[in-house]
Amino acid sequence: MAPNELQVKNPLRVVIVEDSELICTQLRQEIESRGGIRVIGTASSESTAVDLILGCFPDVVLLDVNLQPGSGIKVLRKVRKAGHTCRIFMLTNEVTPAYRAICGALGISGYFDKSFEMERCLSSLYALL
């Protein structure tokens, strides 16, 4: 079976957690324009994100630190506490060393500055195919 056939049959399942509707839409369009990846849900608040992630078991989560309402770090903590081991890429404008350290200790797969590293984040996602 050719690799492309595998990607179509078993797409990488992604959840986007982003409080900006514009950025969420742009991410979704970019990701879904690529074969082998399917966005299975989006959330903009902490509680919705936790319920979505724990309910649909994505392969990858793109997670912002700032949510309305809530915090991506709290989402990360709750998901890890529940035993979910999906890859989580933090994609945020909060790029302080303290946030990076907290997220790193909680087992993220990457931490990206939304303003300057969007392409790098997406390249890391595409590399999982």
N, C-alpha and C. Protein backbone atom coordinates (compact mmCIF):
# COMPACT_ATOMS: atom_id res chain seq x y z
N MET A 1 0.85 -1.18 0.00
CA MET A 1 0.00 0.00 0.00
C MET A 1 0.89 1.24 0.00
N ALA A 2 0.57 2.18 -0.83
CA ALA A 2 1.35 3.42 -0.94
C ALA A 2 1.16 4.28 0.30
N PRO A 3 2.18 5.06 0.70
CA PRO A 3 2.06 5.92 1.89
C PRO A 3 0.86 6.86 1.83
N ASN A 4 0.55 7.43 0.66
CA ASN A 4 -0.59 8.34 0.57
C ASN A 4 -1.90 7.64 0.88
N GLU A 5 -2.02 6.37 0.50
CA GLU A 5 -3.23 5.62 0.81
C GLU A 5 -3.38 5.46 2.31
N LEU A 6 -2.27 5.22 3.01
CA LEU A 6 -2.33 5.10 4.46
C LEU A 6 -2.80 6.40 5.10
N GLN A 7 -2.29 7.52 4.60
CA GLN A 7 -2.65 8.81 5.17
C GLN A 7 -4.14 9.09 5.00
N VAL A 8 -4.70 8.71 3.89
CA VAL A 8 -6.11 8.95 3.66
C VAL A 8 -6.96 8.08 4.57
N LYS A 9 -6.54 6.81 4.75
CA LYS A 9 -7.30 5.89 5.58
C LYS A 9 -7.14 6.17 7.06
N ASN A 10 -5.98 6.64 7.47
CA ASN A 10 -5.70 6.90 8.88
C ASN A 10 -5.12 8.29 9.05
N PRO A 11 -5.93 9.31 8.85
CA PRO A 11 -5.38 10.66 8.96
C PRO A 11 -4.96 10.99 10.39
N LEU A 12 -3.99 11.87 10.49
CA LEU A 12 -3.57 12.41 11.77
C LEU A 12 -4.72 13.26 12.30
N ARG A 13 -5.17 12.97 13.51
CA ARG A 13 -6.32 13.66 14.09
C ARG A 13 -5.84 14.80 14.98
N VAL A 14 -6.30 16.04 14.65
CA VAL A 14 -5.80 17.24 15.32
C VAL A 14 -6.95 18.02 15.96
N VAL A 15 -6.70 18.55 17.15
CA VAL A 15 -7.60 19.49 17.81
C VAL A 15 -6.87 20.82 17.91
N ILE A 16 -7.57 21.90 17.59
CA ILE A 16 -7.03 23.26 17.71
C ILE A 16 -7.71 23.94 18.88
N VAL A 17 -6.91 24.44 19.83
CA VAL A 17 -7.43 25.18 20.98
C VAL A 17 -6.87 26.59 20.88
N GLU A 18 -7.73 27.52 20.47
CA GLU A 18 -7.31 28.89 20.15
C GLU A 18 -8.50 29.81 20.38
N ASP A 19 -8.29 30.90 21.12
CA ASP A 19 -9.42 31.79 21.41
C ASP A 19 -9.67 32.83 20.31
N SER A 20 -8.76 33.00 19.38
CA SER A 20 -8.98 33.91 18.25
C SER A 20 -9.65 33.13 17.13
N GLU A 21 -10.87 33.52 16.80
CA GLU A 21 -11.60 32.83 15.74
C GLU A 21 -10.87 32.92 14.41
N LEU A 22 -10.28 34.08 14.14
CA LEU A 22 -9.55 34.28 12.89
C LEU A 22 -8.36 33.33 12.80
N ILE A 23 -7.54 33.26 13.84
CA ILE A 23 -6.37 32.39 13.83
C ILE A 23 -6.79 30.93 13.76
N CYS A 24 -7.84 30.56 14.49
CA CYS A 24 -8.34 29.19 14.47
C CYS A 24 -8.76 28.80 13.05
N THR A 25 -9.49 29.69 12.38
CA THR A 25 -9.94 29.43 11.01
C THR A 25 -8.76 29.30 10.07
N GLN A 26 -7.78 30.19 10.20
CA GLN A 26 -6.59 30.14 9.34
C GLN A 26 -5.82 28.84 9.55
N LEU A 27 -5.65 28.45 10.81
CA LEU A 27 -4.94 27.19 11.11
C LEU A 27 -5.69 26.00 10.51
N ARG A 28 -6.98 25.98 10.72
CA ARG A 28 -7.79 24.87 10.22
C ARG A 28 -7.68 24.76 8.69
N GLN A 29 -7.80 25.88 8.00
CA GLN A 29 -7.71 25.87 6.54
C GLN A 29 -6.34 25.39 6.07
N GLU A 30 -5.30 25.89 6.71
CA GLU A 30 -3.94 25.49 6.34
C GLU A 30 -3.73 24.00 6.57
N ILE A 31 -4.14 23.51 7.72
CA ILE A 31 -3.94 22.11 8.08
C ILE A 31 -4.75 21.20 7.16
N GLU A 32 -6.01 21.55 6.93
CA GLU A 32 -6.87 20.68 6.13
C GLU A 32 -6.55 20.74 4.65
N SER A 33 -5.77 21.74 4.21
CA SER A 33 -5.36 21.79 2.80
C SER A 33 -4.28 20.74 2.51
N ARG A 34 -3.75 20.19 3.55
CA ARG A 34 -2.68 19.20 3.45
C ARG A 34 -3.30 17.81 3.60
N GLY A 35 -2.96 16.90 2.78
CA GLY A 35 -3.48 15.54 2.89
C GLY A 35 -2.96 14.84 4.13
N GLY A 36 -3.77 13.93 4.65
CA GLY A 36 -3.34 13.09 5.76
C GLY A 36 -3.59 13.67 7.14
N ILE A 37 -4.22 14.84 7.23
CA ILE A 37 -4.50 15.47 8.51
C ILE A 37 -5.97 15.87 8.53
N ARG A 38 -6.62 15.61 9.66
CA ARG A 38 -8.02 16.00 9.81
C ARG A 38 -8.19 16.72 11.13
N VAL A 39 -8.74 17.93 11.09
CA VAL A 39 -9.07 18.67 12.31
C VAL A 39 -10.39 18.08 12.81
N ILE A 40 -10.35 17.48 14.00
CA ILE A 40 -11.54 16.80 14.52
C ILE A 40 -12.31 17.67 15.51
N GLY A 41 -11.78 18.85 15.81
CA GLY A 41 -12.49 19.75 16.70
C GLY A 41 -11.68 20.98 17.02
N THR A 42 -12.41 22.01 17.46
CA THR A 42 -11.77 23.24 17.91
C THR A 42 -12.43 23.68 19.21
N ALA A 43 -11.68 24.43 19.99
CA ALA A 43 -12.20 24.96 21.25
C ALA A 43 -11.53 26.30 21.50
N SER A 44 -12.24 27.18 22.23
CA SER A 44 -11.67 28.48 22.56
C SER A 44 -11.59 28.71 24.07
N SER A 45 -12.20 27.81 24.85
CA SER A 45 -12.17 27.97 26.31
C SER A 45 -11.54 26.74 26.95
N GLU A 46 -11.09 26.93 28.17
CA GLU A 46 -10.43 25.85 28.92
C GLU A 46 -11.34 24.63 29.08
N SER A 47 -12.54 24.83 29.57
CA SER A 47 -13.41 23.69 29.86
C SER A 47 -13.80 22.95 28.58
N THR A 48 -14.11 23.67 27.52
CA THR A 48 -14.45 23.03 26.26
C THR A 48 -13.26 22.25 25.71
N ALA A 49 -12.09 22.82 25.83
CA ALA A 49 -10.88 22.15 25.34
C ALA A 49 -10.63 20.83 26.07
N VAL A 50 -10.72 20.85 27.37
CA VAL A 50 -10.49 19.62 28.15
C VAL A 50 -11.51 18.56 27.76
N ASP A 51 -12.78 18.93 27.71
CA ASP A 51 -13.82 17.96 27.34
C ASP A 51 -13.58 17.39 25.95
N LEU A 52 -13.23 18.25 25.01
CA LEU A 52 -12.98 17.82 23.64
C LEU A 52 -11.80 16.86 23.55
N ILE A 53 -10.69 17.23 24.15
CA ILE A 53 -9.48 16.41 24.08
C ILE A 53 -9.70 15.06 24.74
N LEU A 54 -10.30 15.07 25.92
CA LEU A 54 -10.50 13.80 26.63
C LEU A 54 -11.60 12.96 25.99
N GLY A 55 -12.47 13.60 25.24
CA GLY A 55 -13.57 12.87 24.62
C GLY A 55 -13.25 12.28 23.26
N CYS A 56 -12.32 12.89 22.53
CA CYS A 56 -12.08 12.40 21.16
C CYS A 56 -10.67 11.88 20.91
N PHE A 57 -9.80 11.94 21.91
CA PHE A 57 -8.46 11.37 21.84
C PHE A 57 -7.70 11.72 20.55
N PRO A 58 -7.39 13.00 20.35
CA PRO A 58 -6.64 13.39 19.15
C PRO A 58 -5.20 12.87 19.21
N ASP A 59 -4.56 12.86 18.06
CA ASP A 59 -3.13 12.52 18.00
C ASP A 59 -2.29 13.73 18.38
N VAL A 60 -2.78 14.93 18.02
CA VAL A 60 -2.04 16.17 18.24
C VAL A 60 -3.01 17.26 18.66
N VAL A 61 -2.56 18.12 19.59
CA VAL A 61 -3.31 19.30 19.98
C VAL A 61 -2.43 20.52 19.74
N LEU A 62 -2.98 21.52 19.05
CA LEU A 62 -2.34 22.83 18.96
C LEU A 62 -3.01 23.68 20.02
N LEU A 63 -2.23 24.15 21.00
CA LEU A 63 -2.80 24.76 22.20
C LEU A 63 -2.20 26.14 22.47
N ASP A 64 -3.07 27.12 22.64
CA ASP A 64 -2.65 28.47 23.02
C ASP A 64 -2.61 28.56 24.54
N VAL A 65 -1.76 29.40 25.08
CA VAL A 65 -1.69 29.60 26.53
C VAL A 65 -2.89 30.42 27.01
N ASN A 66 -3.22 31.48 26.28
CA ASN A 66 -4.32 32.35 26.68
C ASN A 66 -5.61 31.91 26.02
N LEU A 67 -6.61 31.60 26.85
CA LEU A 67 -7.93 31.20 26.35
C LEU A 67 -8.98 32.10 26.98
N GLN A 68 -10.17 32.12 26.39
CA GLN A 68 -11.26 32.95 26.91
C GLN A 68 -12.49 32.09 27.16
N PRO A 69 -12.81 31.75 28.34
CA PRO A 69 -12.01 31.94 29.56
C PRO A 69 -11.05 30.77 29.76
N GLY A 70 -10.07 31.02 30.59
CA GLY A 70 -9.18 29.95 31.01
C GLY A 70 -7.76 30.07 30.55
N SER A 71 -7.06 28.95 30.70
CA SER A 71 -5.63 28.90 30.45
C SER A 71 -5.25 27.59 29.76
N GLY A 72 -4.42 27.71 28.74
CA GLY A 72 -3.91 26.53 28.06
C GLY A 72 -3.03 25.68 28.97
N ILE A 73 -2.35 26.32 29.90
CA ILE A 73 -1.52 25.56 30.84
C ILE A 73 -2.41 24.69 31.73
N LYS A 74 -3.56 25.21 32.14
CA LYS A 74 -4.48 24.39 32.93
C LYS A 74 -5.05 23.24 32.09
N VAL A 75 -5.30 23.50 30.81
CA VAL A 75 -5.75 22.43 29.91
C VAL A 75 -4.68 21.34 29.85
N LEU A 76 -3.44 21.76 29.65
CA LEU A 76 -2.32 20.83 29.58
C LEU A 76 -2.22 20.00 30.85
N ARG A 77 -2.30 20.63 32.00
CA ARG A 77 -2.23 19.91 33.27
C ARG A 77 -3.35 18.88 33.40
N LYS A 78 -4.57 19.29 33.09
CA LYS A 78 -5.72 18.39 33.23
C LYS A 78 -5.64 17.21 32.27
N VAL A 79 -5.21 17.47 31.06
CA VAL A 79 -5.09 16.40 30.06
C VAL A 79 -4.02 15.41 30.48
N ARG A 80 -2.89 15.91 30.95
CA ARG A 80 -1.81 15.02 31.39
C ARG A 80 -2.22 14.26 32.65
N LYS A 81 -2.90 14.94 33.58
CA LYS A 81 -3.35 14.28 34.81
C LYS A 81 -4.31 13.13 34.49
N ALA A 82 -5.10 13.30 33.43
CA ALA A 82 -6.04 12.26 33.02
C ALA A 82 -5.33 11.11 32.29
N GLY A 83 -4.04 11.27 32.04
CA GLY A 83 -3.25 10.20 31.43
C GLY A 83 -3.18 10.25 29.91
N HIS A 84 -3.66 11.32 29.31
CA HIS A 84 -3.62 11.44 27.86
C HIS A 84 -2.20 11.78 27.42
N THR A 85 -1.67 11.03 26.46
CA THR A 85 -0.29 11.21 26.04
C THR A 85 -0.15 11.77 24.63
N CYS A 86 -1.18 12.40 24.11
CA CYS A 86 -1.09 12.96 22.76
C CYS A 86 0.03 14.00 22.68
N ARG A 87 0.48 14.24 21.47
CA ARG A 87 1.45 15.32 21.27
C ARG A 87 0.73 16.65 21.42
N ILE A 88 1.37 17.57 22.13
CA ILE A 88 0.79 18.90 22.31
C ILE A 88 1.83 19.94 21.92
N PHE A 89 1.46 20.76 20.94
CA PHE A 89 2.29 21.87 20.51
C PHE A 89 1.68 23.15 21.06
N MET A 90 2.42 23.85 21.88
CA MET A 90 1.98 25.16 22.36
C MET A 90 2.28 26.16 21.25
N LEU A 91 1.24 26.88 20.84
CA LEU A 91 1.37 27.90 19.80
C LEU A 91 0.78 29.17 20.38
N THR A 92 1.65 30.08 20.82
CA THR A 92 1.20 31.18 21.66
C THR A 92 2.07 32.42 21.48
N ASN A 93 1.56 33.53 21.96
CA ASN A 93 2.35 34.76 22.03
C ASN A 93 3.03 34.89 23.39
N GLU A 94 2.74 34.00 24.31
CA GLU A 94 3.36 33.99 25.64
C GLU A 94 4.64 33.14 25.57
N VAL A 95 5.74 33.77 25.29
CA VAL A 95 6.97 33.02 25.03
C VAL A 95 8.05 33.23 26.10
N THR A 96 7.62 33.46 27.31
CA THR A 96 8.58 33.67 28.39
C THR A 96 9.25 32.35 28.78
N PRO A 97 10.47 32.42 29.29
CA PRO A 97 11.14 31.20 29.75
C PRO A 97 10.33 30.45 30.81
N ALA A 98 9.61 31.17 31.67
CA ALA A 98 8.82 30.51 32.72
C ALA A 98 7.72 29.65 32.11
N TYR A 99 6.99 30.18 31.12
CA TYR A 99 5.95 29.39 30.47
C TYR A 99 6.54 28.19 29.74
N ARG A 100 7.65 28.41 29.05
CA ARG A 100 8.31 27.29 28.35
C ARG A 100 8.71 26.19 29.34
N ALA A 101 9.22 26.59 30.49
CA ALA A 101 9.66 25.60 31.49
C ALA A 101 8.47 24.82 32.05
N ILE A 102 7.40 25.52 32.38
CA ILE A 102 6.21 24.85 32.92
C ILE A 102 5.67 23.85 31.90
N CYS A 103 5.53 24.29 30.68
CA CYS A 103 4.98 23.42 29.64
C CYS A 103 5.92 22.25 29.33
N GLY A 104 7.21 22.53 29.34
CA GLY A 104 8.18 21.46 29.12
C GLY A 104 8.09 20.39 30.19
N ALA A 105 7.92 20.81 31.44
CA ALA A 105 7.79 19.86 32.54
C ALA A 105 6.51 19.03 32.44
N LEU A 106 5.51 19.56 31.74
CA LEU A 106 4.25 18.85 31.57
C LEU A 106 4.21 18.00 30.29
N GLY A 107 5.33 17.92 29.60
CA GLY A 107 5.44 16.99 28.49
C GLY A 107 4.92 17.46 27.14
N ILE A 108 5.18 18.71 26.80
CA ILE A 108 4.77 19.17 25.47
C ILE A 108 5.74 18.64 24.42
N SER A 109 5.31 18.68 23.18
CA SER A 109 6.14 18.24 22.06
C SER A 109 6.82 19.40 21.34
N GLY A 110 6.40 20.62 21.65
CA GLY A 110 7.00 21.80 21.03
C GLY A 110 6.36 23.06 21.57
N TYR A 111 7.12 24.14 21.57
CA TYR A 111 6.64 25.44 22.06
C TYR A 111 7.00 26.47 21.00
N PHE A 112 6.00 27.12 20.42
CA PHE A 112 6.21 27.99 19.28
C PHE A 112 5.59 29.37 19.50
N ASP A 113 6.33 30.40 19.09
CA ASP A 113 5.86 31.78 19.13
C ASP A 113 4.90 31.97 17.95
N LYS A 114 3.66 32.27 18.27
CA LYS A 114 2.62 32.40 17.25
C LYS A 114 2.95 33.49 16.23
N SER A 115 3.63 34.53 16.66
CA SER A 115 3.94 35.65 15.76
C SER A 115 5.07 35.35 14.78
N PHE A 116 6.00 34.48 15.17
CA PHE A 116 7.19 34.27 14.34
C PHE A 116 7.47 32.82 13.96
N GLU A 117 6.80 31.87 14.61
CA GLU A 117 7.14 30.46 14.38
C GLU A 117 5.96 29.60 13.93
N MET A 118 4.96 30.21 13.35
CA MET A 118 3.79 29.47 12.88
C MET A 118 4.20 28.40 11.87
N GLU A 119 5.02 28.77 10.90
CA GLU A 119 5.46 27.81 9.87
C GLU A 119 6.27 26.67 10.49
N ARG A 120 7.09 27.00 11.46
CA ARG A 120 7.88 25.97 12.15
C ARG A 120 6.97 24.99 12.89
N CYS A 121 5.93 25.51 13.52
CA CYS A 121 4.96 24.67 14.21
C CYS A 121 4.27 23.74 13.21
N LEU A 122 3.80 24.30 12.10
CA LEU A 122 3.12 23.49 11.10
C LEU A 122 4.06 22.46 10.48
N SER A 123 5.31 22.83 10.29
CA SER A 123 6.30 21.87 9.77
C SER A 123 6.48 20.71 10.74
N SER A 124 6.48 21.00 12.04
CA SER A 124 6.59 19.94 13.04
C SER A 124 5.37 19.03 13.00
N LEU A 125 4.21 19.62 12.78
CA LEU A 125 2.99 18.83 12.65
C LEU A 125 3.06 17.94 11.41
N TYR A 126 3.42 18.51 10.27
CA TYR A 126 3.49 17.76 9.02
C TYR A 126 4.55 16.65 9.08
N ALA A 127 5.59 16.86 9.86
CA ALA A 127 6.64 15.85 10.00
C ALA A 127 6.13 14.57 10.66
N LEU A 128 4.99 14.65 11.33
CA LEU A 128 4.42 13.47 12.00
C LEU A 128 3.72 12.53 11.02
N LEU A 129 3.51 12.98 9.79
CA LEU A 129 2.82 12.15 8.80
C LEU A 129 3.67 10.98 8.35
